[in-house]
Amino acid sequence: MPTEFETTVVEFDAGTGVGPLTLNRPDALNALSNRLRAVIVSGLETLEAENDDVDGVALRAVVIEGTDGNFCAGADINEFSDAAAGDRSD
């Protein structure tokens, strides 16, 4: 079963020189978790590594989009809540 992070799309359209990167956490309105941020960085590194001219067209732009009609809700505040709860001393 693929995880939400395995389904993050990173691809290069050699015909247009555009590398779309899709945030795919619709259950969290595409909020940026620590893991998703790492996947985005990895995706951008992949696009950069593949930026050698493909069929004579170089990567000219990266378009970041979200799934289910939502771009991104911002930082995943649930991760901050979990981290803060672990830092509390009673």
PDB file of N, CA and C in Angstrom:
ATOM      1  N   MET A   1       0.852  -1.175   0.000  1.00  0.00           N
ATOM      2  CA  MET A   1       0.000   0.000   0.000  1.00  0.00           C
ATOM      3  C   MET A   1       0.899   1.240   0.000  1.00  0.00           C
ATOM      4  N   PRO A   2       0.771   2.110  -0.989  1.00  0.00           N
ATOM      5  CA  PRO A   2       1.637   3.294  -1.027  1.00  0.00           C
ATOM      6  C   PRO A   2       1.270   4.281   0.066  1.00  0.00           C
ATOM      7  N   THR A   3       2.277   4.929   0.605  1.00  0.00           N
ATOM      8  CA  THR A   3       2.017   5.963   1.595  1.00  0.00           C
ATOM      9  C   THR A   3       1.731   7.266   0.881  1.00  0.00           C
ATOM     10  N   GLU A   4       1.268   8.250   1.636  1.00  0.00           N
ATOM     11  CA  GLU A   4       0.987   9.550   1.045  1.00  0.00           C
ATOM     12  C   GLU A   4       2.227  10.157   0.416  1.00  0.00           C
ATOM     13  N   PHE A   5       3.398   9.789   0.919  1.00  0.00           N
ATOM     14  CA  PHE A   5       4.630  10.390   0.434  1.00  0.00           C
ATOM     15  C   PHE A   5       5.118   9.710  -0.827  1.00  0.00           C
ATOM     16  N   GLU A   6       4.835   8.425  -0.964  1.00  0.00           N
ATOM     17  CA  GLU A   6       5.230   7.719  -2.170  1.00  0.00           C
ATOM     18  C   GLU A   6       4.426   8.191  -3.370  1.00  0.00           C
ATOM     19  N   THR A   7       3.276   8.785  -3.141  1.00  0.00           N
ATOM     20  CA  THR A   7       2.446   9.226  -4.249  1.00  0.00           C
ATOM     21  C   THR A   7       2.688  10.683  -4.609  1.00  0.00           C
ATOM     22  N   THR A   8       3.644  11.339  -3.953  1.00  0.00           N
ATOM     23  CA  THR A   8       4.006  12.691  -4.351  1.00  0.00           C
ATOM     24  C   THR A   8       4.587  12.613  -5.748  1.00  0.00           C
ATOM     25  N   VAL A   9       4.080  13.444  -6.652  1.00  0.00           N
ATOM     26  CA  VAL A   9       4.464  13.368  -8.050  1.00  0.00           C
ATOM     27  C   VAL A   9       5.564  14.368  -8.358  1.00  0.00           C
ATOM     28  N   VAL A  10       6.612  13.889  -8.986  1.00  0.00           N
ATOM     29  CA  VAL A  10       7.667  14.754  -9.492  1.00  0.00           C
ATOM     30  C   VAL A  10       7.972  14.273 -10.900  1.00  0.00           C
ATOM     31  N   GLU A  11       7.732  15.116 -11.875  1.00  0.00           N
ATOM     32  CA  GLU A  11       8.017  14.716 -13.246  1.00  0.00           C
ATOM     33  C   GLU A  11       8.436  15.924 -14.071  1.00  0.00           C
ATOM     34  N   PHE A  12       9.102  15.656 -15.151  1.00  0.00           N
ATOM     35  CA  PHE A  12       9.597  16.701 -16.037  1.00  0.00           C
ATOM     36  C   PHE A  12       8.936  16.522 -17.388  1.00  0.00           C
ATOM     37  N   ASP A  13       8.288  17.551 -17.884  1.00  0.00           N
ATOM     38  CA  ASP A  13       7.656  17.509 -19.196  1.00  0.00           C
ATOM     39  C   ASP A  13       8.657  18.043 -20.215  1.00  0.00           C
ATOM     40  N   ALA A  14       9.299  17.131 -20.926  1.00  0.00           N
ATOM     41  CA  ALA A  14      10.360  17.524 -21.856  1.00  0.00           C
ATOM     42  C   ALA A  14       9.842  18.431 -22.967  1.00  0.00           C
ATOM     43  N   GLY A  15       8.581  18.341 -23.284  1.00  0.00           N
ATOM     44  CA  GLY A  15       8.037  19.160 -24.362  1.00  0.00           C
ATOM     45  C   GLY A  15       7.900  20.629 -24.005  1.00  0.00           C
ATOM     46  N   THR A  16       7.692  20.924 -22.719  1.00  0.00           N
ATOM     47  CA  THR A  16       7.459  22.312 -22.312  1.00  0.00           C
ATOM     48  C   THR A  16       8.543  22.875 -21.415  1.00  0.00           C
ATOM     49  N   GLY A  17       9.401  22.031 -20.878  1.00  0.00           N
ATOM     50  CA  GLY A  17      10.434  22.506 -19.967  1.00  0.00           C
ATOM     51  C   GLY A  17       9.908  22.808 -18.580  1.00  0.00           C
ATOM     52  N   VAL A  18       8.746  22.229 -18.229  1.00  0.00           N
ATOM     53  CA  VAL A  18       8.130  22.477 -16.927  1.00  0.00           C
ATOM     54  C   VAL A  18       8.206  21.210 -16.083  1.00  0.00           C
ATOM     55  N   GLY A  19       8.592  21.373 -14.829  1.00  0.00           N
ATOM     56  CA  GLY A  19       8.632  20.260 -13.887  1.00  0.00           C
ATOM     57  C   GLY A  19       7.558  20.440 -12.843  1.00  0.00           C
ATOM     58  N   PRO A  20       6.400  19.793 -12.996  1.00  0.00           N
ATOM     59  CA  PRO A  20       5.355  19.918 -11.977  1.00  0.00           C
ATOM     60  C   PRO A  20       5.678  19.070 -10.746  1.00  0.00           C
ATOM     61  N   LEU A  21       5.359  19.594  -9.576  1.00  0.00           N
ATOM     62  CA  LEU A  21       5.545  18.883  -8.322  1.00  0.00           C
ATOM     63  C   LEU A  21       4.212  18.990  -7.584  1.00  0.00           C
ATOM     64  N   THR A  22       3.575  17.858  -7.325  1.00  0.00           N
ATOM     65  CA  THR A  22       2.239  17.854  -6.732  1.00  0.00           C
ATOM     66  C   THR A  22       2.290  17.430  -5.270  1.00  0.00           C
ATOM     67  N   LEU A  23       1.740  18.274  -4.389  1.00  0.00           N
ATOM     68  CA  LEU A  23       1.583  17.930  -2.974  1.00  0.00           C
ATOM     69  C   LEU A  23       0.361  17.030  -2.879  1.00  0.00           C
ATOM     70  N   ASN A  24       0.504  15.868  -2.265  1.00  0.00           N
ATOM     71  CA  ASN A  24      -0.595  14.910  -2.260  1.00  0.00           C
ATOM     72  C   ASN A  24      -0.889  14.421  -0.847  1.00  0.00           C
ATOM     73  N   ARG A  25      -1.423  15.335  -0.031  1.00  0.00           N
ATOM     74  CA  ARG A  25      -1.919  14.987   1.307  1.00  0.00           C
ATOM     75  C   ARG A  25      -3.327  15.562   1.440  1.00  0.00           C
ATOM     76  N   PRO A  26      -4.260  15.120   0.599  1.00  0.00           N
ATOM     77  CA  PRO A  26      -5.586  15.735   0.602  1.00  0.00           C
ATOM     78  C   PRO A  26      -6.303  15.625   1.940  1.00  0.00           C
ATOM     79  N   ASP A  27      -6.019  14.573   2.707  1.00  0.00           N
ATOM     80  CA  ASP A  27      -6.654  14.401   4.011  1.00  0.00           C
ATOM     81  C   ASP A  27      -6.247  15.495   4.988  1.00  0.00           C
ATOM     82  N   ALA A  28      -5.096  16.146   4.743  1.00  0.00           N
ATOM     83  CA  ALA A  28      -4.606  17.225   5.614  1.00  0.00           C
ATOM     84  C   ALA A  28      -4.527  18.551   4.852  1.00  0.00           C
ATOM     85  N   LEU A  29      -5.332  18.665   3.774  1.00  0.00           N
ATOM     86  CA  LEU A  29      -5.325  19.872   2.931  1.00  0.00           C
ATOM     87  C   LEU A  29      -3.914  20.200   2.445  1.00  0.00           C
ATOM     88  N   ASN A  30      -3.131  19.146   2.194  1.00  0.00           N
ATOM     89  CA  ASN A  30      -1.758  19.267   1.689  1.00  0.00           C
ATOM     90  C   ASN A  30      -0.841  20.035   2.637  1.00  0.00           C
ATOM     91  N   ALA A  31      -1.123  19.957   3.935  1.00  0.00           N
ATOM     92  CA  ALA A  31      -0.283  20.627   4.933  1.00  0.00           C
ATOM     93  C   ALA A  31       1.126  20.046   4.895  1.00  0.00           C
ATOM     94  N   LEU A  32       2.101  20.898   5.160  1.00  0.00           N
ATOM     95  CA  LEU A  32       3.506  20.508   5.085  1.00  0.00           C
ATOM     96  C   LEU A  32       3.972  19.853   6.382  1.00  0.00           C
ATOM     97  N   SER A  33       4.065  18.544   6.359  1.00  0.00           N
ATOM     98  CA  SER A  33       4.660  17.817   7.482  1.00  0.00           C
ATOM     99  C   SER A  33       6.172  17.820   7.277  1.00  0.00           C
ATOM    100  N   ASN A  34       6.902  17.426   8.300  1.00  0.00           N
ATOM    101  CA  ASN A  34       8.360  17.329   8.158  1.00  0.00           C
ATOM    102  C   ASN A  34       8.728  16.363   7.042  1.00  0.00           C
ATOM    103  N   ARG A  35       8.034  15.244   6.971  1.00  0.00           N
ATOM    104  CA  ARG A  35       8.320  14.232   5.943  1.00  0.00           C
ATOM    105  C   ARG A  35       8.003  14.776   4.552  1.00  0.00           C
ATOM    106  N   LEU A  36       6.871  15.466   4.391  1.00  0.00           N
ATOM    107  CA  LEU A  36       6.514  15.989   3.076  1.00  0.00           C
ATOM    108  C   LEU A  36       7.516  17.046   2.630  1.00  0.00           C
ATOM    109  N   ARG A  37       7.984  17.864   3.564  1.00  0.00           N
ATOM    110  CA  ARG A  37       9.005  18.859   3.198  1.00  0.00           C
ATOM    111  C   ARG A  37      10.271  18.168   2.703  1.00  0.00           C
ATOM    112  N   ALA A  38      10.648  17.066   3.333  1.00  0.00           N
ATOM    113  CA  ALA A  38      11.829  16.318   2.884  1.00  0.00           C
ATOM    114  C   ALA A  38      11.611  15.735   1.488  1.00  0.00           C
ATOM    115  N   VAL A  39      10.391  15.266   1.220  1.00  0.00           N
ATOM    116  CA  VAL A  39      10.079  14.715  -0.099  1.00  0.00           C
ATOM    117  C   VAL A  39      10.120  15.813  -1.158  1.00  0.00           C
ATOM    118  N   ILE A  40       9.654  17.012  -0.822  1.00  0.00           N
ATOM    119  CA  ILE A  40       9.707  18.134  -1.765  1.00  0.00           C
ATOM    120  C   ILE A  40      11.157  18.452  -2.112  1.00  0.00           C
ATOM    121  N   VAL A  41      12.004  18.528  -1.100  1.00  0.00           N
ATOM    122  CA  VAL A  41      13.429  18.807  -1.346  1.00  0.00           C
ATOM    123  C   VAL A  41      14.020  17.719  -2.237  1.00  0.00           C
ATOM    124  N   SER A  42      13.705  16.472  -1.950  1.00  0.00           N
ATOM    125  CA  SER A  42      14.200  15.362  -2.762  1.00  0.00           C
ATOM    126  C   SER A  42      13.698  15.474  -4.199  1.00  0.00           C
ATOM    127  N   GLY A  43      12.435  15.837  -4.357  1.00  0.00           N
ATOM    128  CA  GLY A  43      11.870  16.007  -5.695  1.00  0.00           C
ATOM    129  C   GLY A  43      12.553  17.113  -6.468  1.00  0.00           C
ATOM    130  N   LEU A  44      12.827  18.223  -5.798  1.00  0.00           N
ATOM    131  CA  LEU A  44      13.526  19.330  -6.456  1.00  0.00           C
ATOM    132  C   LEU A  44      14.950  18.930  -6.823  1.00  0.00           C
ATOM    133  N   GLU A  45      15.597  18.152  -5.965  1.00  0.00           N
ATOM    134  CA  GLU A  45      16.943  17.663  -6.286  1.00  0.00           C
ATOM    135  C   GLU A  45      16.908  16.732  -7.495  1.00  0.00           C
ATOM    136  N   THR A  46      15.855  15.908  -7.588  1.00  0.00           N
ATOM    137  CA  THR A  46      15.698  15.030  -8.744  1.00  0.00           C
ATOM    138  C   THR A  46      15.525  15.846 -10.013  1.00  0.00           C
ATOM    139  N   LEU A  47      14.673  16.864  -9.956  1.00  0.00           N
ATOM    140  CA  LEU A  47      14.483  17.722 -11.125  1.00  0.00           C
ATOM    141  C   LEU A  47      15.787  18.399 -11.522  1.00  0.00           C
ATOM    142  N   GLU A  48      16.547  18.850 -10.528  1.00  0.00           N
ATOM    143  CA  GLU A  48      17.821  19.506 -10.819  1.00  0.00           C
ATOM    144  C   GLU A  48      18.794  18.525 -11.474  1.00  0.00           C
ATOM    145  N   ALA A  49      18.845  17.298 -10.964  1.00  0.00           N
ATOM    146  CA  ALA A  49      19.758  16.293 -11.509  1.00  0.00           C
ATOM    147  C   ALA A  49      19.384  15.915 -12.935  1.00  0.00           C
ATOM    148  N   GLU A  50      18.089  15.952 -13.245  1.00  0.00           N
ATOM    149  CA  GLU A  50      17.623  15.592 -14.579  1.00  0.00           C
ATOM    150  C   GLU A  50      17.528  16.802 -15.496  1.00  0.00           C
ATOM    151  N   ASN A  51      18.091  17.918 -15.085  1.00  0.00           N
ATOM    152  CA  ASN A  51      17.963  19.156 -15.844  1.00  0.00           C
ATOM    153  C   ASN A  51      18.881  19.220 -17.057  1.00  0.00           C
ATOM    154  N   ASP A  52      19.622  18.183 -17.318  1.00  0.00           N
ATOM    155  CA  ASP A  52      20.384  18.157 -18.560  1.00  0.00           C
ATOM    156  C   ASP A  52      19.362  18.166 -19.690  1.00  0.00           C
ATOM    157  N   ASP A  53      19.639  18.909 -20.716  1.00  0.00           N
ATOM    158  CA  ASP A  53      18.682  19.047 -21.820  1.00  0.00           C
ATOM    159  C   ASP A  53      18.089  17.695 -22.210  1.00  0.00           C
ATOM    160  N   VAL A  54      16.761  17.597 -22.118  1.00  0.00           N
ATOM    161  CA  VAL A  54      16.035  16.412 -22.543  1.00  0.00           C
ATOM    162  C   VAL A  54      15.401  16.759 -23.875  1.00  0.00           C
ATOM    163  N   ASP A  55      15.783  16.066 -24.895  1.00  0.00           N
ATOM    164  CA  ASP A  55      15.286  16.349 -26.246  1.00  0.00           C
ATOM    165  C   ASP A  55      15.478  17.812 -26.611  1.00  0.00           C
ATOM    166  N   GLY A  56      16.567  18.405 -26.151  1.00  0.00           N
ATOM    167  CA  GLY A  56      16.862  19.793 -26.502  1.00  0.00           C
ATOM    168  C   GLY A  56      16.125  20.826 -25.678  1.00  0.00           C
ATOM    169  N   VAL A  57      15.336  20.400 -24.688  1.00  0.00           N
ATOM    170  CA  VAL A  57      14.576  21.338 -23.855  1.00  0.00           C
ATOM    171  C   VAL A  57      15.057  21.217 -22.414  1.00  0.00           C
ATOM    172  N   ALA A  58      15.527  22.310 -21.850  1.00  0.00           N
ATOM    173  CA  ALA A  58      15.986  22.313 -20.460  1.00  0.00           C
ATOM    174  C   ALA A  58      14.825  22.670 -19.533  1.00  0.00           C
ATOM    175  N   LEU A  59      14.940  22.271 -18.287  1.00  0.00           N
ATOM    176  CA  LEU A  59      13.952  22.644 -17.282  1.00  0.00           C
ATOM    177  C   LEU A  59      13.973  24.156 -17.105  1.00  0.00           C
ATOM    178  N   ARG A  60      12.824  24.789 -17.251  1.00  0.00           N
ATOM    179  CA  ARG A  60      12.730  26.240 -17.146  1.00  0.00           C
ATOM    180  C   ARG A  60      11.922  26.690 -15.942  1.00  0.00           C
ATOM    181  N   ALA A  61      11.043  25.831 -15.458  1.00  0.00           N
ATOM    182  CA  ALA A  61      10.186  26.217 -14.335  1.00  0.00           C
ATOM    183  C   ALA A  61       9.737  24.980 -13.572  1.00  0.00           C
ATOM    184  N   VAL A  62       9.473  25.168 -12.295  1.00  0.00           N
ATOM    185  CA  VAL A  62       8.860  24.140 -11.463  1.00  0.00           C
ATOM    186  C   VAL A  62       7.538  24.714 -10.984  1.00  0.00           C
ATOM    187  N   VAL A  63       6.469  23.977 -11.212  1.00  0.00           N
ATOM    188  CA  VAL A  63       5.140  24.404 -10.782  1.00  0.00           C
ATOM    189  C   VAL A  63       4.715  23.496  -9.635  1.00  0.00           C
ATOM    190  N   ILE A  64       4.512  24.093  -8.459  1.00  0.00           N
ATOM    191  CA  ILE A  64       4.074  23.325  -7.296  1.00  0.00           C
ATOM    192  C   ILE A  64       2.564  23.473  -7.187  1.00  0.00           C
ATOM    193  N   GLU A  65       1.879  22.330  -7.119  1.00  0.00           N
ATOM    194  CA  GLU A  65       0.420  22.333  -7.037  1.00  0.00           C
ATOM    195  C   GLU A  65      -0.027  21.358  -5.963  1.00  0.00           C
ATOM    196  N   GLY A  66      -1.285  21.468  -5.574  1.00  0.00           N
ATOM    197  CA  GLY A  66      -1.850  20.576  -4.573  1.00  0.00           C
ATOM    198  C   GLY A  66      -2.990  19.767  -5.149  1.00  0.00           C
ATOM    199  N   THR A  67      -3.354  18.699  -4.467  1.00  0.00           N
ATOM    200  CA  THR A  67      -4.446  17.844  -4.917  1.00  0.00           C
ATOM    201  C   THR A  67      -5.777  18.290  -4.321  1.00  0.00           C
ATOM    202  N   ASP A  68      -6.845  17.799  -4.898  1.00  0.00           N
ATOM    203  CA  ASP A  68      -8.218  18.017  -4.424  1.00  0.00           C
ATOM    204  C   ASP A  68      -8.598  19.486  -4.311  1.00  0.00           C
ATOM    205  N   GLY A  69      -8.077  20.318  -5.203  1.00  0.00           N
ATOM    206  CA  GLY A  69      -8.470  21.725  -5.223  1.00  0.00           C
ATOM    207  C   GLY A  69      -7.847  22.582  -4.140  1.00  0.00           C
ATOM    208  N   ASN A  70      -6.911  22.028  -3.399  1.00  0.00           N
ATOM    209  CA  ASN A  70      -6.234  22.782  -2.336  1.00  0.00           C
ATOM    210  C   ASN A  70      -4.757  22.865  -2.659  1.00  0.00           C
ATOM    211  N   PHE A  71      -4.186  24.072  -2.518  1.00  0.00           N
ATOM    212  CA  PHE A  71      -2.743  24.180  -2.729  1.00  0.00           C
ATOM    213  C   PHE A  71      -2.021  23.630  -1.509  1.00  0.00           C
ATOM    214  N   CYS A  72      -2.081  24.350  -0.395  1.00  0.00           N
ATOM    215  CA  CYS A  72      -1.366  23.934   0.814  1.00  0.00           C
ATOM    216  C   CYS A  72      -1.929  24.705   2.002  1.00  0.00           C
ATOM    217  N   ALA A  73      -2.229  24.000   3.073  1.00  0.00           N
ATOM    218  CA  ALA A  73      -2.769  24.642   4.271  1.00  0.00           C
ATOM    219  C   ALA A  73      -1.677  25.272   5.129  1.00  0.00           C
ATOM    220  N   GLY A  74      -0.419  25.126   4.729  1.00  0.00           N
ATOM    221  CA  GLY A  74       0.696  25.643   5.525  1.00  0.00           C
ATOM    222  C   GLY A  74       1.339  24.517   6.308  1.00  0.00           C
ATOM    223  N   ALA A  75       1.961  24.861   7.415  1.00  0.00           N
ATOM    224  CA  ALA A  75       2.632  23.855   8.240  1.00  0.00           C
ATOM    225  C   ALA A  75       1.596  22.953   8.905  1.00  0.00           C
ATOM    226  N   ASP A  76       1.939  21.699   9.069  1.00  0.00           N
ATOM    227  CA  ASP A  76       1.068  20.744   9.748  1.00  0.00           C
ATOM    228  C   ASP A  76       1.188  20.981  11.251  1.00  0.00           C
ATOM    229  N   ILE A  77       0.224  21.709  11.815  1.00  0.00           N
ATOM    230  CA  ILE A  77       0.315  22.094  13.227  1.00  0.00           C
ATOM    231  C   ILE A  77       0.199  20.898  14.164  1.00  0.00           C
ATOM    232  N   ASN A  78      -0.340  19.785  13.677  1.00  0.00           N
ATOM    233  CA  ASN A  78      -0.400  18.588  14.514  1.00  0.00           C
ATOM    234  C   ASN A  78       1.000  18.112  14.882  1.00  0.00           C
ATOM    235  N   GLU A  79       1.960  18.268  13.990  1.00  0.00           N
ATOM    236  CA  GLU A  79       3.336  17.879  14.313  1.00  0.00           C
ATOM    237  C   GLU A  79       3.914  18.772  15.400  1.00  0.00           C
ATOM    238  N   PHE A  80       3.577  20.066  15.358  1.00  0.00           N
ATOM    239  CA  PHE A  80       4.065  20.974  16.387  1.00  0.00           C
ATOM    240  C   PHE A  80       3.444  20.634  17.736  1.00  0.00           C
ATOM    241  N   SER A  81       2.168  20.275  17.744  1.00  0.00           N
ATOM    242  CA  SER A  81       1.485  19.899  18.985  1.00  0.00           C
ATOM    243  C   SER A  81       2.127  18.664  19.592  1.00  0.00           C
ATOM    244  N   ASP A  82       2.416  17.671  18.740  1.00  0.00           N
ATOM    245  CA  ASP A  82       3.041  16.437  19.221  1.00  0.00           C
ATOM    246  C   ASP A  82       4.428  16.716  19.780  1.00  0.00           C
ATOM    247  N   ALA A  83       5.193  17.562  19.108  1.00  0.00           N
ATOM    248  CA  ALA A  83       6.547  17.891  19.565  1.00  0.00           C
ATOM    249  C   ALA A  83       6.495  18.656  20.881  1.00  0.00           C
ATOM    250  N   ALA A  84       5.565  19.588  20.995  1.00  0.00           N
ATOM    251  CA  ALA A  84       5.445  20.380  22.222  1.00  0.00           C
ATOM    252  C   ALA A  84       5.033  19.500  23.398  1.00  0.00           C
ATOM    253  N   ALA A  85       4.152  18.546  23.159  1.00  0.00           N
ATOM    254  CA  ALA A  85       3.712  17.650  24.227  1.00  0.00           C
ATOM    255  C   ALA A  85       4.882  16.819  24.741  1.00  0.00           C
ATOM    256  N   GLY A  86       5.787  16.433  23.866  1.00  0.00           N
ATOM    257  CA  GLY A  86       6.950  15.652  24.275  1.00  0.00           C
ATOM    258  C   GLY A  86       7.979  16.477  25.015  1.00  0.00           C
ATOM    259  N   ASP A  87       7.964  17.803  24.826  1.00  0.00           N
ATOM    260  CA  ASP A  87       8.938  18.685  25.468  1.00  0.00           C
ATOM    261  C   ASP A  87       8.508  19.140  26.853  1.00  0.00           C
ATOM    262  N   ARG A  88       7.257  18.933  27.203  1.00  0.00           N
ATOM    263  CA  ARG A  88       6.761  19.405  28.498  1.00  0.00           C
ATOM    264  C   ARG A  88       7.335  18.571  29.626  1.00  0.00           C
ATOM    265  N   SER A  89       7.714  19.241  30.672  1.00  0.00           N
ATOM    266  CA  SER A  89       8.151  18.509  31.867  1.00  0.00           C
ATOM    267  C   SER A  89       7.156  18.806  32.981  1.00  0.00           C
ATOM    268  N   ASP A  90       6.711  17.759  33.645  1.00  0.00           N
ATOM    269  CA  ASP A  90       5.709  17.920  34.713  1.00  0.00           C
ATOM    270  C   ASP A  90       6.357  17.978  36.063  1.00  0.00           C
TER     271      ASP A  90
END
